[in-house]
């Protein structure tokens, strides 16, 4: 009688075996290797490689080292995603964290709606409300990219040497290294979502 291996858990917190399996398969397919190829290079059987990728066995450190050598990666790569923090930020309407930025003095309200916790990239979503006109408006320039989605009002927005008329439903995605910011407030109040994606601090 052929025994059937237990299925990999698909709900709740992934097991260490499942996390390692996902990483092994991701690295193998990234190198355009078949299970047979990886088995041959690592000295393991194809069946063992398949079980590891499917999270159906707890591999020894020597086995993982053989796989790491075959995939030309540090053994720590297999454990990278297991302990990663997977947070979510829930913000009720009107309860975003108000942030002081250069535009605050010009009647602009910046509400931070969340932030990323992973080190690969920094993501800052803001709900920006422009409440009153002013003689001059702040300009911004920072690393990364920014996405703006207009929710209410009418704003002429500058990016480098170009201007864009933004009305509800319009969007603008741009390289934030260029000077940018609101140039004309055509209809107030104006509200838009701004998502800033930039390298982590220190990069």
N, C-alpha and C. Protein backbone atom coordinates (compact mmCIF):
# COMPACT_ATOMS: atom_id res chain seq x y z
N UNK A 1 0.85 -1.19 0.00
CA UNK A 1 0.00 0.00 0.00
C UNK A 1 0.89 1.24 0.00
N UNK A 2 0.64 2.15 -0.93
CA UNK A 2 1.43 3.36 -1.02
C UNK A 2 0.92 4.40 -0.04
N UNK A 3 1.83 4.92 0.77
CA UNK A 3 1.42 5.96 1.73
C UNK A 3 1.38 7.31 1.04
N UNK A 4 0.40 8.11 1.40
CA UNK A 4 0.25 9.44 0.81
C UNK A 4 0.75 10.47 1.82
N UNK A 5 1.72 11.32 1.42
CA UNK A 5 2.25 12.31 2.36
C UNK A 5 1.17 13.29 2.77
N UNK A 6 1.24 13.79 3.99
CA UNK A 6 0.24 14.74 4.45
C UNK A 6 0.31 16.03 3.66
N UNK A 7 -0.83 16.71 3.47
CA UNK A 7 -0.83 17.96 2.73
C UNK A 7 -0.15 19.07 3.51
N UNK A 8 0.37 20.04 2.77
CA UNK A 8 0.99 21.20 3.40
C UNK A 8 -0.10 22.10 3.94
N UNK A 9 0.01 22.58 5.18
CA UNK A 9 -1.00 23.50 5.70
C UNK A 9 -1.12 24.73 4.82
N UNK A 10 -2.33 25.17 4.55
CA UNK A 10 -2.53 26.33 3.68
C UNK A 10 -3.15 27.50 4.41
N UNK A 11 -3.52 27.30 5.68
CA UNK A 11 -4.10 28.40 6.43
C UNK A 11 -3.32 28.61 7.70
N UNK A 12 -3.50 29.76 8.32
CA UNK A 12 -2.79 30.06 9.54
C UNK A 12 -1.34 30.39 9.25
N UNK A 13 -0.48 30.28 10.27
CA UNK A 13 0.93 30.60 10.12
C UNK A 13 1.65 29.47 9.39
N UNK A 14 2.40 29.79 8.31
CA UNK A 14 3.11 28.74 7.58
C UNK A 14 4.14 28.06 8.48
N UNK A 15 4.34 26.76 8.28
CA UNK A 15 5.37 26.05 9.03
C UNK A 15 6.74 26.41 8.48
N UNK A 16 7.76 26.13 9.27
CA UNK A 16 9.12 26.38 8.81
C UNK A 16 9.41 25.55 7.56
N UNK A 17 8.95 24.30 7.56
CA UNK A 17 9.17 23.43 6.40
C UNK A 17 8.54 24.01 5.13
N UNK A 18 7.32 24.54 5.27
CA UNK A 18 6.63 25.13 4.11
C UNK A 18 7.36 26.37 3.61
N UNK A 19 7.84 27.20 4.54
CA UNK A 19 8.56 28.42 4.16
C UNK A 19 9.86 28.08 3.44
N UNK A 20 10.58 27.08 3.95
CA UNK A 20 11.81 26.65 3.29
C UNK A 20 11.50 26.11 1.90
N UNK A 21 10.45 25.32 1.79
CA UNK A 21 10.07 24.77 0.50
C UNK A 21 9.77 25.83 -0.54
N UNK A 22 9.06 26.87 -0.12
CA UNK A 22 8.74 27.97 -1.03
C UNK A 22 10.02 28.64 -1.53
N UNK A 23 10.98 28.86 -0.63
CA UNK A 23 12.23 29.50 -1.02
C UNK A 23 13.04 28.63 -1.96
N UNK A 24 13.11 27.34 -1.67
CA UNK A 24 13.87 26.42 -2.54
C UNK A 24 13.28 26.42 -3.95
N UNK A 25 11.96 26.31 -4.03
CA UNK A 25 11.32 26.27 -5.35
C UNK A 25 11.50 27.60 -6.09
N UNK A 26 11.40 28.70 -5.37
CA UNK A 26 11.57 30.02 -5.99
C UNK A 26 12.97 30.17 -6.57
N UNK A 27 13.97 29.75 -5.81
CA UNK A 27 15.36 29.85 -6.28
C UNK A 27 15.61 28.91 -7.45
N UNK A 28 15.06 27.70 -7.36
CA UNK A 28 15.26 26.71 -8.44
C UNK A 28 14.66 27.19 -9.75
N UNK A 29 13.40 27.64 -9.69
CA UNK A 29 12.75 28.10 -10.93
C UNK A 29 13.40 29.37 -11.45
N UNK A 30 13.93 30.19 -10.53
CA UNK A 30 14.63 31.40 -10.96
C UNK A 30 15.89 31.09 -11.76
N UNK A 31 16.48 29.94 -11.49
CA UNK A 31 17.66 29.49 -12.23
C UNK A 31 17.30 28.60 -13.41
N UNK A 32 15.99 28.46 -13.67
CA UNK A 32 15.50 27.64 -14.78
C UNK A 32 15.96 26.19 -14.64
N UNK A 33 15.94 25.69 -13.41
CA UNK A 33 16.32 24.31 -13.15
C UNK A 33 15.08 23.46 -12.90
N UNK A 34 15.13 22.22 -13.34
CA UNK A 34 14.07 21.27 -13.00
C UNK A 34 14.39 20.64 -11.65
N UNK A 35 13.42 19.92 -11.10
CA UNK A 35 13.69 19.20 -9.85
C UNK A 35 14.82 18.20 -10.07
N UNK A 36 14.82 17.57 -11.24
CA UNK A 36 15.89 16.62 -11.56
C UNK A 36 17.25 17.28 -11.61
N UNK A 37 17.30 18.48 -12.20
CA UNK A 37 18.57 19.22 -12.26
C UNK A 37 19.10 19.50 -10.86
N UNK A 38 18.21 20.01 -10.00
CA UNK A 38 18.63 20.35 -8.64
C UNK A 38 19.05 19.11 -7.86
N UNK A 39 18.32 18.02 -8.07
CA UNK A 39 18.67 16.77 -7.40
C UNK A 39 20.07 16.30 -7.80
N UNK A 40 20.36 16.38 -9.08
CA UNK A 40 21.66 15.92 -9.59
C UNK A 40 22.80 16.76 -9.04
N UNK A 41 22.63 18.09 -9.03
CA UNK A 41 23.70 18.98 -8.57
C UNK A 41 23.90 18.87 -7.06
N UNK A 42 22.80 18.71 -6.33
CA UNK A 42 22.89 18.67 -4.86
C UNK A 42 23.21 17.30 -4.30
N UNK A 43 23.06 16.26 -5.13
CA UNK A 43 23.31 14.91 -4.66
C UNK A 43 22.14 14.29 -3.92
N UNK A 44 20.97 14.93 -4.00
CA UNK A 44 19.77 14.41 -3.37
C UNK A 44 18.92 13.69 -4.41
N UNK A 45 17.95 12.93 -3.95
CA UNK A 45 17.04 12.27 -4.88
C UNK A 45 15.96 13.26 -5.31
N UNK A 46 15.42 13.10 -6.53
CA UNK A 46 14.32 13.98 -6.96
C UNK A 46 13.14 13.93 -5.99
N UNK A 47 12.87 12.76 -5.43
CA UNK A 47 11.77 12.64 -4.49
C UNK A 47 11.98 13.48 -3.25
N UNK A 48 13.23 13.51 -2.75
CA UNK A 48 13.53 14.32 -1.57
C UNK A 48 13.39 15.80 -1.87
N UNK A 49 13.89 16.22 -3.04
CA UNK A 49 13.76 17.63 -3.42
C UNK A 49 12.28 18.03 -3.51
N UNK A 50 11.48 17.16 -4.10
CA UNK A 50 10.05 17.43 -4.24
C UNK A 50 9.38 17.55 -2.87
N UNK A 51 9.73 16.65 -1.95
CA UNK A 51 9.15 16.70 -0.60
C UNK A 51 9.53 17.99 0.12
N UNK A 52 10.78 18.40 -0.04
CA UNK A 52 11.24 19.64 0.60
C UNK A 52 10.48 20.84 0.04
N UNK A 53 10.34 20.89 -1.29
CA UNK A 53 9.64 22.02 -1.90
C UNK A 53 8.17 22.08 -1.49
N UNK A 54 7.59 20.94 -1.22
CA UNK A 54 6.18 20.89 -0.83
C UNK A 54 5.97 20.92 0.68
N UNK A 55 7.07 21.13 1.43
CA UNK A 55 6.96 21.24 2.87
C UNK A 55 6.55 19.96 3.56
N UNK A 56 6.86 18.82 2.93
CA UNK A 56 6.41 17.53 3.45
C UNK A 56 7.46 16.79 4.26
N UNK A 57 8.62 17.43 4.45
CA UNK A 57 9.66 16.80 5.26
C UNK A 57 10.50 17.88 5.92
N UNK A 58 11.08 17.53 7.05
CA UNK A 58 11.96 18.45 7.76
C UNK A 58 13.40 18.10 7.38
N UNK A 59 14.00 18.92 6.55
CA UNK A 59 15.33 18.63 6.03
C UNK A 59 16.40 18.92 7.08
N UNK A 60 17.44 18.09 7.09
CA UNK A 60 18.57 18.31 8.00
C UNK A 60 19.40 19.50 7.51
N UNK A 61 20.24 20.02 8.39
CA UNK A 61 21.09 21.14 8.00
C UNK A 61 22.05 20.75 6.88
N UNK A 62 22.53 19.51 6.91
CA UNK A 62 23.44 19.07 5.85
C UNK A 62 22.72 19.02 4.50
N UNK A 63 21.45 18.62 4.52
CA UNK A 63 20.66 18.60 3.29
C UNK A 63 20.41 20.01 2.79
N UNK A 64 20.08 20.92 3.70
CA UNK A 64 19.85 22.31 3.31
C UNK A 64 21.13 22.94 2.79
N UNK A 65 22.28 22.58 3.39
CA UNK A 65 23.55 23.12 2.91
C UNK A 65 23.84 22.63 1.50
N UNK A 66 23.51 21.37 1.23
CA UNK A 66 23.72 20.82 -0.12
C UNK A 66 22.85 21.57 -1.14
N UNK A 67 21.61 21.87 -0.75
CA UNK A 67 20.72 22.63 -1.63
C UNK A 67 21.24 24.05 -1.82
N UNK A 68 21.71 24.66 -0.73
CA UNK A 68 22.23 26.03 -0.82
C UNK A 68 23.43 26.09 -1.76
N UNK A 69 24.32 25.11 -1.65
CA UNK A 69 25.48 25.07 -2.54
C UNK A 69 25.05 24.91 -3.99
N UNK A 70 24.07 24.04 -4.22
CA UNK A 70 23.60 23.79 -5.58
C UNK A 70 22.92 25.02 -6.18
N UNK A 71 22.27 25.80 -5.32
CA UNK A 71 21.55 26.99 -5.78
C UNK A 71 22.40 28.25 -5.68
N UNK A 72 23.65 28.08 -5.21
CA UNK A 72 24.59 29.20 -5.10
C UNK A 72 24.01 30.34 -4.25
N UNK A 73 23.54 29.98 -3.06
CA UNK A 73 22.94 30.97 -2.18
C UNK A 73 23.30 30.63 -0.74
N UNK A 74 23.37 31.61 0.17
CA UNK A 74 23.62 31.29 1.58
C UNK A 74 22.46 30.47 2.15
N UNK A 75 22.76 29.59 3.07
CA UNK A 75 21.72 28.75 3.66
C UNK A 75 20.67 29.59 4.39
N UNK A 76 21.08 30.77 4.87
CA UNK A 76 20.14 31.65 5.58
C UNK A 76 19.00 32.12 4.69
N UNK A 77 19.21 32.08 3.38
CA UNK A 77 18.15 32.49 2.44
C UNK A 77 16.89 31.67 2.63
N UNK A 78 17.04 30.41 2.98
CA UNK A 78 15.88 29.53 3.13
C UNK A 78 14.98 29.93 4.30
N UNK A 79 15.57 30.63 5.27
CA UNK A 79 14.81 30.99 6.48
C UNK A 79 14.32 32.44 6.45
N UNK A 80 14.64 33.15 5.36
CA UNK A 80 14.43 34.60 5.32
C UNK A 80 12.99 35.02 5.56
N UNK A 81 12.04 34.33 4.97
CA UNK A 81 10.65 34.79 5.05
C UNK A 81 9.90 34.24 6.25
N UNK A 82 10.49 33.28 6.96
CA UNK A 82 9.74 32.63 8.05
C UNK A 82 9.44 33.58 9.21
N UNK A 83 10.43 34.42 9.56
CA UNK A 83 10.25 35.32 10.70
C UNK A 83 9.90 36.74 10.30
N UNK A 84 9.66 36.98 9.01
CA UNK A 84 9.32 38.34 8.60
C UNK A 84 8.00 38.78 9.20
N UNK A 85 7.96 40.03 9.59
CA UNK A 85 6.74 40.59 10.17
C UNK A 85 5.78 40.94 9.04
N UNK A 86 4.54 40.52 9.15
CA UNK A 86 3.53 40.77 8.13
C UNK A 86 2.41 41.59 8.76
N UNK A 87 2.66 42.86 8.88
CA UNK A 87 1.71 43.73 9.57
C UNK A 87 0.65 44.29 8.63
N UNK A 88 -0.41 44.75 9.22
CA UNK A 88 -1.44 45.50 8.50
C UNK A 88 -1.78 46.72 9.35
N UNK A 89 -2.09 47.82 8.69
CA UNK A 89 -2.46 49.04 9.40
C UNK A 89 -3.88 49.41 9.04
N UNK A 90 -4.74 49.51 10.04
CA UNK A 90 -6.14 49.89 9.83
C UNK A 90 -6.38 51.27 10.43
N UNK A 91 -6.85 52.18 9.59
CA UNK A 91 -7.11 53.55 10.05
C UNK A 91 -8.55 53.91 9.74
N UNK A 92 -9.30 54.25 10.77
CA UNK A 92 -10.69 54.66 10.57
C UNK A 92 -10.74 56.06 9.97
N UNK A 93 -11.84 56.36 9.31
CA UNK A 93 -12.02 57.65 8.65
C UNK A 93 -11.76 58.80 9.63
N UNK A 94 -10.90 59.72 9.20
CA UNK A 94 -10.61 60.90 10.01
C UNK A 94 -9.61 60.68 11.12
N UNK A 95 -9.05 59.47 11.23
CA UNK A 95 -8.15 59.17 12.34
C UNK A 95 -6.70 58.97 11.91
N UNK A 96 -6.35 59.44 10.71
CA UNK A 96 -4.96 59.36 10.29
C UNK A 96 -4.09 60.25 11.17
N UNK A 97 -2.80 59.90 11.27
CA UNK A 97 -1.87 60.67 12.09
C UNK A 97 -1.49 61.94 11.35
N UNK A 98 -1.84 63.10 11.92
CA UNK A 98 -1.53 64.38 11.29
C UNK A 98 -0.03 64.66 11.40
N UNK A 99 0.60 64.93 10.25
CA UNK A 99 2.04 65.14 10.17
C UNK A 99 2.33 66.58 9.79
N UNK A 100 3.32 67.18 10.45
CA UNK A 100 3.76 68.53 10.09
C UNK A 100 4.75 68.43 8.93
N UNK A 101 4.39 69.06 7.82
CA UNK A 101 5.31 69.16 6.69
C UNK A 101 5.34 70.61 6.24
N UNK A 102 6.18 70.89 5.25
CA UNK A 102 6.34 72.28 4.84
C UNK A 102 5.03 72.93 4.41
N UNK A 103 4.10 72.14 3.89
CA UNK A 103 2.85 72.71 3.42
C UNK A 103 1.86 73.02 4.54
N UNK A 104 2.16 72.58 5.76
CA UNK A 104 1.20 72.77 6.86
C UNK A 104 0.89 74.24 7.10
N UNK A 105 1.88 75.11 6.97
CA UNK A 105 1.67 76.54 7.20
C UNK A 105 0.80 77.18 6.13
N UNK A 106 0.71 76.54 4.99
CA UNK A 106 -0.09 77.09 3.89
C UNK A 106 -1.51 76.53 3.91
N UNK A 107 -1.91 75.94 5.03
CA UNK A 107 -3.26 75.41 5.13
C UNK A 107 -3.42 74.02 4.55
N UNK A 108 -2.32 73.29 4.46
CA UNK A 108 -2.36 71.93 3.94
C UNK A 108 -2.28 70.95 5.10
N UNK A 109 -3.15 69.96 5.11
CA UNK A 109 -3.19 68.98 6.19
C UNK A 109 -2.72 67.63 5.64
N UNK A 110 -1.71 67.06 6.28
CA UNK A 110 -1.15 65.78 5.86
C UNK A 110 -1.49 64.73 6.92
N UNK A 111 -2.21 63.70 6.51
CA UNK A 111 -2.53 62.61 7.42
C UNK A 111 -1.86 61.33 6.95
N UNK A 112 -0.96 60.80 7.77
CA UNK A 112 -0.28 59.56 7.44
C UNK A 112 -1.23 58.39 7.72
N UNK A 113 -1.43 57.54 6.72
CA UNK A 113 -2.40 56.45 6.84
C UNK A 113 -1.76 55.10 7.14
N UNK A 114 -0.44 55.04 7.18
CA UNK A 114 0.23 53.77 7.46
C UNK A 114 1.69 53.88 7.06
N UNK A 115 2.43 52.81 7.27
CA UNK A 115 3.83 52.76 6.86
C UNK A 115 4.26 51.32 6.72
N UNK A 116 5.29 51.11 5.91
CA UNK A 116 5.79 49.75 5.71
C UNK A 116 6.80 49.42 6.80
N UNK A 117 6.90 48.12 7.14
CA UNK A 117 7.86 47.70 8.16
C UNK A 117 9.01 46.90 7.57
N UNK A 118 8.92 46.54 6.31
CA UNK A 118 9.99 45.77 5.69
C UNK A 118 11.09 46.71 5.23
N UNK A 119 12.33 46.20 5.21
CA UNK A 119 13.48 47.06 4.96
C UNK A 119 13.73 47.34 3.49
N UNK A 120 13.16 46.52 2.58
CA UNK A 120 13.49 46.65 1.16
C UNK A 120 13.00 47.97 0.57
N UNK A 121 11.93 48.51 1.10
CA UNK A 121 11.36 49.72 0.53
C UNK A 121 10.57 50.45 1.61
N UNK A 122 10.48 51.76 1.47
CA UNK A 122 9.71 52.57 2.41
C UNK A 122 8.47 53.08 1.69
N UNK A 123 7.29 52.82 2.25
CA UNK A 123 6.04 53.23 1.64
C UNK A 123 5.25 54.09 2.62
N UNK A 124 4.86 55.29 2.19
CA UNK A 124 4.12 56.21 3.05
C UNK A 124 2.85 56.69 2.33
N UNK A 125 1.69 56.22 2.73
CA UNK A 125 0.44 56.72 2.14
C UNK A 125 -0.09 57.90 2.95
N UNK A 126 -0.40 58.99 2.27
CA UNK A 126 -0.92 60.19 2.92
C UNK A 126 -2.27 60.56 2.33
N UNK A 127 -3.15 61.08 3.16
CA UNK A 127 -4.35 61.75 2.70
C UNK A 127 -4.08 63.23 2.89
N UNK A 128 -4.02 63.97 1.80
CA UNK A 128 -3.65 65.39 1.85
C UNK A 128 -4.87 66.25 1.55
N UNK A 129 -5.11 67.20 2.43
CA UNK A 129 -6.24 68.12 2.27
C UNK A 129 -5.70 69.54 2.15
N UNK A 130 -6.05 70.21 1.07
CA UNK A 130 -5.66 71.61 0.86
C UNK A 130 -6.89 72.45 1.15
N UNK A 131 -6.84 73.21 2.25
CA UNK A 131 -8.03 73.88 2.75
C UNK A 131 -8.16 75.34 2.36
N UNK A 132 -7.05 76.00 2.08
CA UNK A 132 -7.13 77.42 1.74
C UNK A 132 -6.03 77.80 0.76
N UNK A 133 -6.30 78.86 0.02
CA UNK A 133 -5.34 79.35 -0.96
C UNK A 133 -4.20 80.06 -0.22
N UNK A 134 -3.08 80.26 -0.90
CA UNK A 134 -1.94 80.94 -0.32
C UNK A 134 -1.16 81.63 -1.42
N UNK A 135 -0.29 82.57 -1.00
CA UNK A 135 0.50 83.30 -1.99
C UNK A 135 1.56 82.40 -2.62
N UNK A 136 2.05 81.46 -1.86
CA UNK A 136 3.06 80.54 -2.39
C UNK A 136 2.82 79.15 -1.81
N UNK A 137 3.28 78.16 -2.54
CA UNK A 137 3.07 76.78 -2.13
C UNK A 137 4.41 76.08 -1.98
N UNK A 138 4.48 75.11 -1.09
CA UNK A 138 5.75 74.40 -0.90
C UNK A 138 6.07 73.52 -2.10
N UNK A 139 7.35 73.35 -2.35
CA UNK A 139 7.79 72.40 -3.37
C UNK A 139 8.57 71.29 -2.67
N UNK A 140 8.51 70.12 -3.25
CA UNK A 140 9.15 68.96 -2.64
C UNK A 140 10.11 68.32 -3.61
N UNK A 141 11.09 67.64 -3.06
CA UNK A 141 12.07 66.92 -3.87
C UNK A 141 12.70 65.86 -2.96
N UNK A 142 12.55 64.59 -3.30
CA UNK A 142 13.04 63.53 -2.44
C UNK A 142 13.27 62.27 -3.27
N UNK A 143 14.04 61.32 -2.76
CA UNK A 143 14.28 60.07 -3.50
C UNK A 143 13.00 59.26 -3.68
N UNK A 144 12.99 58.43 -4.71
CA UNK A 144 11.87 57.51 -4.91
C UNK A 144 10.84 58.00 -5.90
N UNK A 145 9.63 57.46 -5.78
CA UNK A 145 8.53 57.80 -6.67
C UNK A 145 7.29 58.16 -5.85
N UNK A 146 6.37 58.86 -6.50
CA UNK A 146 5.14 59.26 -5.81
C UNK A 146 3.94 59.07 -6.73
N UNK A 147 2.84 58.64 -6.14
CA UNK A 147 1.59 58.47 -6.88
C UNK A 147 0.53 59.32 -6.22
N UNK A 148 -0.18 60.12 -7.03
CA UNK A 148 -1.24 60.99 -6.53
C UNK A 148 -2.55 60.60 -7.20
N UNK A 149 -3.60 60.48 -6.39
CA UNK A 149 -4.94 60.19 -6.91
C UNK A 149 -5.89 61.24 -6.34
N UNK A 150 -6.50 62.01 -7.23
CA UNK A 150 -7.35 63.13 -6.82
C UNK A 150 -8.73 62.63 -6.39
N UNK A 151 -9.16 63.06 -5.21
CA UNK A 151 -10.46 62.65 -4.67
C UNK A 151 -11.50 63.76 -4.71
N UNK A 152 -11.05 65.00 -4.51
CA UNK A 152 -12.00 66.12 -4.42
C UNK A 152 -11.29 67.41 -4.78
N UNK A 153 -12.02 68.35 -5.38
CA UNK A 153 -11.44 69.64 -5.72
C UNK A 153 -10.77 69.65 -7.08
N UNK A 154 -9.90 70.64 -7.27
CA UNK A 154 -9.27 70.87 -8.57
C UNK A 154 -7.92 71.55 -8.32
N UNK A 155 -6.84 70.90 -8.70
CA UNK A 155 -5.50 71.40 -8.42
C UNK A 155 -4.64 71.32 -9.68
N UNK A 156 -3.85 72.36 -9.92
CA UNK A 156 -2.82 72.29 -10.94
C UNK A 156 -1.53 71.91 -10.24
N UNK A 157 -0.95 70.78 -10.63
CA UNK A 157 0.21 70.23 -9.93
C UNK A 157 1.43 70.29 -10.83
N UNK A 158 2.54 70.75 -10.27
CA UNK A 158 3.77 70.86 -11.04
C UNK A 158 4.69 69.68 -10.78
N UNK A 159 5.30 69.18 -11.87
CA UNK A 159 6.38 68.20 -11.77
C UNK A 159 7.45 68.61 -12.76
N UNK A 160 8.63 68.99 -12.24
CA UNK A 160 9.72 69.51 -13.08
C UNK A 160 9.22 70.72 -13.86
N UNK A 161 9.29 70.68 -15.19
CA UNK A 161 8.86 71.84 -15.98
C UNK A 161 7.47 71.66 -16.58
N UNK A 162 6.71 70.67 -16.08
CA UNK A 162 5.36 70.42 -16.60
C UNK A 162 4.32 70.64 -15.50
N UNK A 163 3.11 71.05 -15.92
CA UNK A 163 2.00 71.17 -14.97
C UNK A 163 0.85 70.28 -15.43
N UNK A 164 0.08 69.79 -14.47
CA UNK A 164 -1.02 68.87 -14.75
C UNK A 164 -2.25 69.31 -13.97
N UNK A 165 -3.38 69.40 -14.67
CA UNK A 165 -4.65 69.75 -14.03
C UNK A 165 -5.28 68.48 -13.47
N UNK A 166 -5.43 68.41 -12.17
CA UNK A 166 -5.96 67.22 -11.52
C UNK A 166 -7.35 67.47 -10.96
N UNK A 167 -8.30 66.66 -11.41
CA UNK A 167 -9.68 66.70 -10.91
C UNK A 167 -10.02 65.31 -10.37
N UNK A 168 -11.15 65.18 -9.65
CA UNK A 168 -11.49 63.88 -9.07
C UNK A 168 -11.41 62.73 -10.08
N UNK A 169 -10.69 61.68 -9.70
CA UNK A 169 -10.50 60.53 -10.58
C UNK A 169 -9.21 60.58 -11.37
N UNK A 170 -8.57 61.76 -11.46
CA UNK A 170 -7.30 61.88 -12.17
C UNK A 170 -6.16 61.39 -11.27
N UNK A 171 -5.08 60.94 -11.91
CA UNK A 171 -3.93 60.47 -11.14
C UNK A 171 -2.64 60.94 -11.80
N UNK A 172 -1.58 60.93 -11.02
CA UNK A 172 -0.27 61.33 -11.50
C UNK A 172 0.79 60.48 -10.80
N UNK A 173 1.65 59.85 -11.59
CA UNK A 173 2.74 59.04 -11.04
C UNK A 173 4.04 59.62 -11.56
N UNK A 174 5.01 59.85 -10.66
CA UNK A 174 6.20 60.55 -11.12
C UNK A 174 7.44 60.22 -10.28
N UNK A 175 8.59 60.55 -10.87
CA UNK A 175 9.88 60.44 -10.20
C UNK A 175 10.00 61.61 -9.23
N UNK A 176 10.08 61.30 -7.95
CA UNK A 176 10.05 62.35 -6.93
C UNK A 176 11.38 63.07 -6.77
N UNK A 177 12.41 62.66 -7.51
CA UNK A 177 13.69 63.38 -7.47
C UNK A 177 13.56 64.75 -8.11
N UNK A 178 12.56 64.92 -9.00
CA UNK A 178 12.32 66.22 -9.62
C UNK A 178 11.47 67.08 -8.68
N UNK A 179 11.63 68.38 -8.79
CA UNK A 179 10.84 69.31 -7.96
C UNK A 179 9.36 69.14 -8.30
N UNK A 180 8.52 69.07 -7.26
CA UNK A 180 7.09 68.88 -7.49
C UNK A 180 6.28 69.49 -6.35
N UNK A 181 5.00 69.73 -6.64
CA UNK A 181 4.11 70.28 -5.62
C UNK A 181 2.94 71.00 -6.27
N UNK A 182 1.92 71.35 -5.48
CA UNK A 182 0.76 72.07 -6.03
C UNK A 182 1.15 73.47 -6.48
N UNK A 183 0.65 73.88 -7.64
CA UNK A 183 0.97 75.22 -8.15
C UNK A 183 -0.24 76.14 -8.13
N UNK A 184 -1.42 75.61 -8.43
CA UNK A 184 -2.65 76.41 -8.37
C UNK A 184 -3.75 75.58 -7.74
N UNK A 185 -4.48 76.20 -6.82
CA UNK A 185 -5.64 75.54 -6.21
C UNK A 185 -6.87 76.13 -6.87
N UNK A 186 -7.43 75.40 -7.80
CA UNK A 186 -8.52 75.93 -8.62
C UNK A 186 -9.88 75.78 -7.96
N UNK A 187 -10.03 74.78 -7.10
CA UNK A 187 -11.29 74.57 -6.39
C UNK A 187 -11.00 73.93 -5.05
N UNK A 188 -11.47 74.60 -3.99
CA UNK A 188 -11.21 74.13 -2.64
C UNK A 188 -12.50 73.70 -1.94
N UNK A 189 -12.38 72.83 -0.91
CA UNK A 189 -11.15 72.13 -0.51
C UNK A 189 -10.75 71.07 -1.53
N UNK A 190 -9.46 70.82 -1.60
CA UNK A 190 -8.94 69.79 -2.49
C UNK A 190 -8.38 68.65 -1.65
N UNK A 191 -8.72 67.43 -2.01
CA UNK A 191 -8.27 66.26 -1.25
C UNK A 191 -7.70 65.24 -2.23
N UNK A 192 -6.51 64.75 -1.92
CA UNK A 192 -5.94 63.70 -2.77
C UNK A 192 -5.12 62.72 -1.94
N UNK A 193 -5.02 61.52 -2.48
CA UNK A 193 -4.21 60.46 -1.87
C UNK A 193 -2.82 60.52 -2.47
N UNK A 194 -1.81 60.55 -1.63
CA UNK A 194 -0.42 60.58 -2.08
C UNK A 194 0.30 59.37 -1.49
N UNK A 195 0.89 58.56 -2.35
CA UNK A 195 1.65 57.39 -1.90
C UNK A 195 3.10 57.57 -2.33
N UNK A 196 3.98 57.66 -1.34
CA UNK A 196 5.40 57.87 -1.59
C UNK A 196 6.14 56.55 -1.39
N UNK A 197 6.88 56.15 -2.41
CA UNK A 197 7.68 54.92 -2.34
C UNK A 197 9.14 55.32 -2.50
N UNK A 198 9.95 55.01 -1.50
CA UNK A 198 11.34 55.44 -1.52
C UNK A 198 12.24 54.39 -0.89
N UNK A 199 13.56 54.52 -1.12
CA UNK A 199 14.48 53.58 -0.48
C UNK A 199 14.44 53.76 1.03
N UNK A 200 14.78 52.73 1.80
CA UNK A 200 14.80 52.89 3.26
C UNK A 200 15.84 53.92 3.68
N UNK A 201 15.64 54.53 4.84
CA UNK A 201 16.58 55.52 5.33
C UNK A 201 17.95 54.90 5.48
N UNK A 202 18.96 55.67 5.05
CA UNK A 202 20.33 55.18 5.15
C UNK A 202 20.86 54.67 3.84
N UNK A 203 19.98 54.42 2.85
CA UNK A 203 20.42 53.94 1.54
C UNK A 203 20.82 55.12 0.67
